[in-house]
Amino acid sequence: MVKKQAVFNYKTVKGPLHKLPAIFKLFILIILSLLCIKLPSLWLFIGILLTILLSFFCKLTLKEQLIDFKPAAFYVILMFSLSIFSNLIDNRSNLLSFNASLLSIFIPYPDFLRIVLRLILIIQLSALFFRTTSLFEIREGLLFFGKKSKLYLSFTESISLFLCFIPEIFQIWSSIDLSWKARGGKPGFKKIKNLLFILITLSFERASLKARAIEARR
């Protein structure tokens, strides 16, 4: 059976970003994510294209980039649907009198478009970070500061666990999703209803095991 790739899964094939320290990449990710909030749509679109090129340069395939886009796909569809609904409400009188083109309702509002572009770019930047940084590098990079001061040890440890757990959640979902398909399950509401509880349960179990392991090492 072919192993299904998970979202934000670390890629062992070394690219330029693999060589940078994890803490430096995390700092750049935070700065760029904050910049995304202020950038206009045009610059966000340019940023998306540049991130795609950088991803290829870091040896991430198109398939891997599309897989990493999954967390944003549902939200993008939702925002586009809301944009169409808003266009229908605002232009209902013109549409009834045939003064407006039907194609105009599919043109998203600037605010909707900007939110979607911002989300896509942040997801791309996060994917680059997790694809080029192992969980060990993330934890060691953050705990390096905690070793110097006990005051920040608990804080940096919590942050590192949170960051490391993000790709693990997607790995858990990928595993149970593959099991669902192997048993003949089909996509839809029934799948979400059945697998969501399993995802939450397994995630809590994994988190509990990590917490006990850390406590034992202390």
Protein backbone atom coordinates (compact mmCIF):
# COMPACT_ATOMS: atom_id res chain seq x y z
CA MET A 1 0.00 0.00 0.00
CA VAL A 2 1.34 3.45 -0.93
CA LYS A 3 1.83 5.62 2.13
CA LYS A 4 -0.29 8.73 2.04
CA GLN A 5 1.59 11.98 2.55
CA ALA A 6 0.56 14.15 5.48
CA VAL A 7 0.24 17.92 5.56
CA PHE A 8 3.35 19.79 6.78
CA ASN A 9 5.34 16.56 6.83
CA TYR A 10 9.11 17.09 7.16
CA LYS A 11 10.98 16.35 3.93
CA THR A 12 14.35 14.70 4.36
CA VAL A 13 15.58 15.76 0.91
CA LYS A 14 17.83 18.68 1.79
CA GLY A 15 17.20 22.11 0.30
CA PRO A 16 18.62 25.57 1.05
CA LEU A 17 16.21 26.24 3.94
CA HIS A 18 17.15 22.99 5.66
CA LYS A 19 20.53 24.48 6.52
CA LEU A 20 19.14 27.47 8.42
CA PRO A 21 18.64 27.29 12.23
CA ALA A 22 15.09 26.45 13.30
CA ILE A 23 14.80 29.47 15.61
CA PHE A 24 15.83 31.81 12.76
CA LYS A 25 13.24 30.30 10.40
CA LEU A 26 10.56 30.57 13.10
CA PHE A 27 11.41 34.23 13.66
CA ILE A 28 11.20 34.95 9.91
CA LEU A 29 7.89 33.06 9.71
CA ILE A 30 6.37 35.20 12.48
CA ILE A 31 7.60 38.45 10.90
CA LEU A 32 6.32 37.54 7.42
CA SER A 33 2.97 36.35 8.81
CA LEU A 34 2.53 39.70 10.56
CA LEU A 35 3.42 41.50 7.33
CA CYS A 36 0.72 39.54 5.50
CA ILE A 37 -1.89 41.29 7.64
CA LYS A 38 -0.84 44.69 6.27
CA LEU A 39 -0.02 43.86 2.64
CA PRO A 40 -2.49 44.72 -0.16
CA SER A 41 -3.88 42.01 -2.43
CA LEU A 42 -1.39 42.61 -5.24
CA TRP A 43 1.62 42.13 -2.97
CA LEU A 44 0.00 39.07 -1.37
CA PHE A 45 -0.45 37.54 -4.84
CA ILE A 46 3.19 38.30 -5.70
CA GLY A 47 4.21 36.73 -2.36
CA ILE A 48 2.27 33.57 -3.21
CA LEU A 49 4.05 33.24 -6.55
CA LEU A 50 7.47 33.84 -4.96
CA THR A 51 6.72 31.27 -2.24
CA ILE A 52 5.78 28.70 -4.91
CA LEU A 53 9.10 29.32 -6.65
CA LEU A 54 10.98 29.11 -3.34
CA SER A 55 9.20 25.83 -2.56
CA PHE A 56 10.35 24.34 -5.87
CA PHE A 57 13.85 25.65 -5.13
CA CYS A 58 13.67 23.82 -1.78
CA LYS A 59 12.80 20.62 -3.68
CA LEU A 60 9.12 20.52 -2.73
CA THR A 61 7.05 18.97 -5.50
CA LEU A 62 3.80 20.43 -6.81
CA LYS A 63 1.93 17.53 -5.20
CA GLU A 64 3.44 18.31 -1.79
CA GLN A 65 2.51 21.97 -2.13
CA LEU A 66 -1.08 21.06 -3.02
CA ILE A 67 -1.24 18.70 -0.04
CA ASP A 68 -0.12 21.52 2.26
CA PHE A 69 -2.87 23.71 0.81
CA LYS A 70 -5.58 21.38 2.18
CA PRO A 71 -6.02 23.23 5.53
CA ALA A 72 -6.87 26.41 3.62
CA ALA A 73 -8.98 24.83 0.85
CA PHE A 74 -12.22 24.58 2.86
CA TYR A 75 -11.87 28.15 4.12
CA VAL A 76 -11.17 29.45 0.60
CA ILE A 77 -14.31 27.72 -0.74
CA LEU A 78 -16.34 29.10 2.16
CA MET A 79 -15.11 32.66 1.60
CA PHE A 80 -15.78 32.42 -2.14
CA SER A 81 -19.32 31.15 -1.44
CA LEU A 82 -19.94 34.03 0.97
CA SER A 83 -18.66 36.46 -1.65
CA ILE A 84 -21.10 35.10 -4.26
CA PHE A 85 -23.94 35.29 -1.73
CA SER A 86 -23.07 38.91 -0.91
CA ASN A 87 -22.96 39.78 -4.61
CA LEU A 88 -26.40 38.22 -5.11
CA ILE A 89 -27.86 40.23 -2.23
CA ASP A 90 -26.26 43.53 -3.28
CA ASN A 91 -27.12 43.16 -6.98
CA ARG A 92 -30.49 41.42 -6.75
CA SER A 93 -32.38 44.40 -8.21
CA ASN A 94 -29.97 44.72 -11.15
CA LEU A 95 -30.06 40.99 -11.82
CA LEU A 96 -33.87 40.95 -11.86
CA SER A 97 -33.92 43.82 -14.32
CA PHE A 98 -31.11 42.25 -16.37
CA ASN A 99 -28.91 45.33 -15.86
CA ALA A 100 -26.05 43.28 -14.42
CA SER A 101 -24.03 40.42 -15.86
CA LEU A 102 -24.34 37.02 -14.24
CA LEU A 103 -20.56 36.75 -14.35
CA SER A 104 -20.26 39.76 -12.04
CA ILE A 105 -21.54 37.79 -9.06
CA PHE A 106 -18.52 35.49 -9.29
CA ILE A 107 -16.08 38.38 -8.93
CA PRO A 108 -15.12 38.43 -5.23
CA TYR A 109 -15.13 41.58 -3.17
CA PRO A 110 -11.67 43.06 -2.55
CA ASP A 111 -11.96 42.31 1.19
CA PHE A 112 -12.87 38.67 0.57
CA LEU A 113 -10.07 38.30 -1.96
CA ARG A 114 -7.51 39.83 0.38
CA ILE A 115 -8.46 37.52 3.25
CA VAL A 116 -8.16 34.46 1.00
CA LEU A 117 -4.79 35.53 -0.42
CA ARG A 118 -3.52 36.28 3.09
CA LEU A 119 -4.57 32.84 4.30
CA ILE A 120 -2.96 31.06 1.34
CA LEU A 121 0.35 32.88 1.81
CA ILE A 122 0.48 32.20 5.56
CA ILE A 123 -0.25 28.51 4.94
CA GLN A 124 2.52 28.41 2.32
CA LEU A 125 5.02 30.01 4.70
CA SER A 126 4.05 27.62 7.50
CA ALA A 127 4.41 24.66 5.14
CA LEU A 128 7.91 25.81 4.15
CA PHE A 129 8.87 25.99 7.82
CA PHE A 130 7.59 22.53 8.75
CA ARG A 131 8.74 20.90 5.51
CA THR A 132 12.32 22.09 6.05
CA THR A 133 12.52 21.80 9.85
CA SER A 134 12.40 18.53 11.78
CA LEU A 135 10.52 18.24 15.07
CA PHE A 136 13.83 17.65 16.84
CA GLU A 137 15.28 20.88 15.41
CA ILE A 138 12.21 22.85 16.51
CA ARG A 139 12.35 21.52 20.06
CA GLU A 140 16.12 21.89 20.46
CA GLY A 141 16.10 25.36 18.93
CA LEU A 142 13.50 26.67 21.37
CA LEU A 143 14.74 24.82 24.45
CA PHE A 144 18.22 26.24 23.87
CA PHE A 145 17.02 29.45 25.49
CA GLY A 146 15.24 27.61 28.26
CA LYS A 147 18.45 25.88 29.28
CA LYS A 148 19.97 29.27 30.07
CA SER A 149 17.16 30.29 32.41
CA LYS A 150 14.66 28.18 34.36
CA LEU A 151 12.22 31.08 34.21
CA TYR A 152 11.66 30.52 30.47
CA LEU A 153 12.09 26.74 30.41
CA SER A 154 8.42 25.93 30.91
CA PHE A 155 7.33 28.58 28.38
CA THR A 156 9.73 27.54 25.62
CA GLU A 157 8.94 23.89 26.22
CA SER A 158 5.21 24.55 25.83
CA ILE A 159 5.76 26.50 22.60
CA SER A 160 8.00 23.78 21.18
CA LEU A 161 5.45 21.09 22.00
CA PHE A 162 2.69 23.14 20.37
CA LEU A 163 4.70 23.64 17.18
CA CYS A 164 5.79 20.01 17.04
CA PHE A 165 2.23 18.82 17.57
CA ILE A 166 0.81 20.69 14.54
CA PRO A 167 2.29 18.32 11.89
CA GLU A 168 1.53 15.33 14.16
CA ILE A 169 -2.19 16.15 14.10
CA PHE A 170 -2.13 16.10 10.31
CA GLN A 171 -0.23 12.80 10.39
CA ILE A 172 -2.90 11.30 12.67
CA TRP A 173 -5.65 12.52 10.33
CA SER A 174 -3.81 11.14 7.31
CA SER A 175 -3.56 7.74 8.99
CA ILE A 176 -7.23 7.47 9.99
CA ASP A 177 -8.32 8.89 6.63
CA LEU A 178 -6.33 6.17 4.86
CA SER A 179 -7.96 3.54 7.10
CA TRP A 180 -11.39 4.97 6.30
CA LYS A 181 -10.76 4.70 2.55
CA ALA A 182 -9.30 1.19 2.92
CA ARG A 183 -12.59 0.08 4.52
CA GLY A 184 -14.57 1.48 1.61
CA GLY A 185 -15.58 4.71 3.32
CA LYS A 186 -16.65 7.63 1.15
CA PRO A 187 -16.10 11.37 1.62
CA GLY A 188 -18.94 13.38 3.09
CA PHE A 189 -20.55 14.47 6.35
CA LYS A 190 -20.63 10.90 7.68
CA LYS A 191 -16.85 10.67 7.32
CA ILE A 192 -16.28 13.94 9.19
CA LYS A 193 -18.72 12.91 11.92
CA ASN A 194 -17.06 9.53 12.47
CA LEU A 195 -13.41 10.52 12.10
CA LEU A 196 -13.45 13.83 14.00
CA PHE A 197 -14.03 12.14 17.37
CA ILE A 198 -11.29 9.60 16.60
CA LEU A 199 -8.92 12.44 15.64
CA ILE A 200 -9.59 14.27 18.91
CA THR A 201 -9.23 11.10 20.97
CA LEU A 202 -5.96 10.00 19.36
CA SER A 203 -4.57 13.55 19.57
CA PHE A 204 -5.30 13.73 23.30
CA GLU A 205 -3.72 10.30 23.79
CA ARG A 206 -0.59 11.39 21.88
CA ALA A 207 -0.41 14.62 23.90
CA SER A 208 -0.84 12.70 27.15
CA LEU A 209 2.00 10.33 26.25
CA LYS A 210 4.28 13.25 25.44
CA ALA A 211 3.43 14.97 28.71
CA ARG A 212 4.17 11.82 30.73
CA ALA A 213 7.45 11.30 28.84
CA ILE A 214 8.57 14.86 29.57
CA GLU A 215 7.59 14.53 33.21
CA ALA A 216 9.55 11.28 33.48
CA ARG A 217 12.68 12.90 32.03
CA ARG A 218 12.51 15.63 34.67
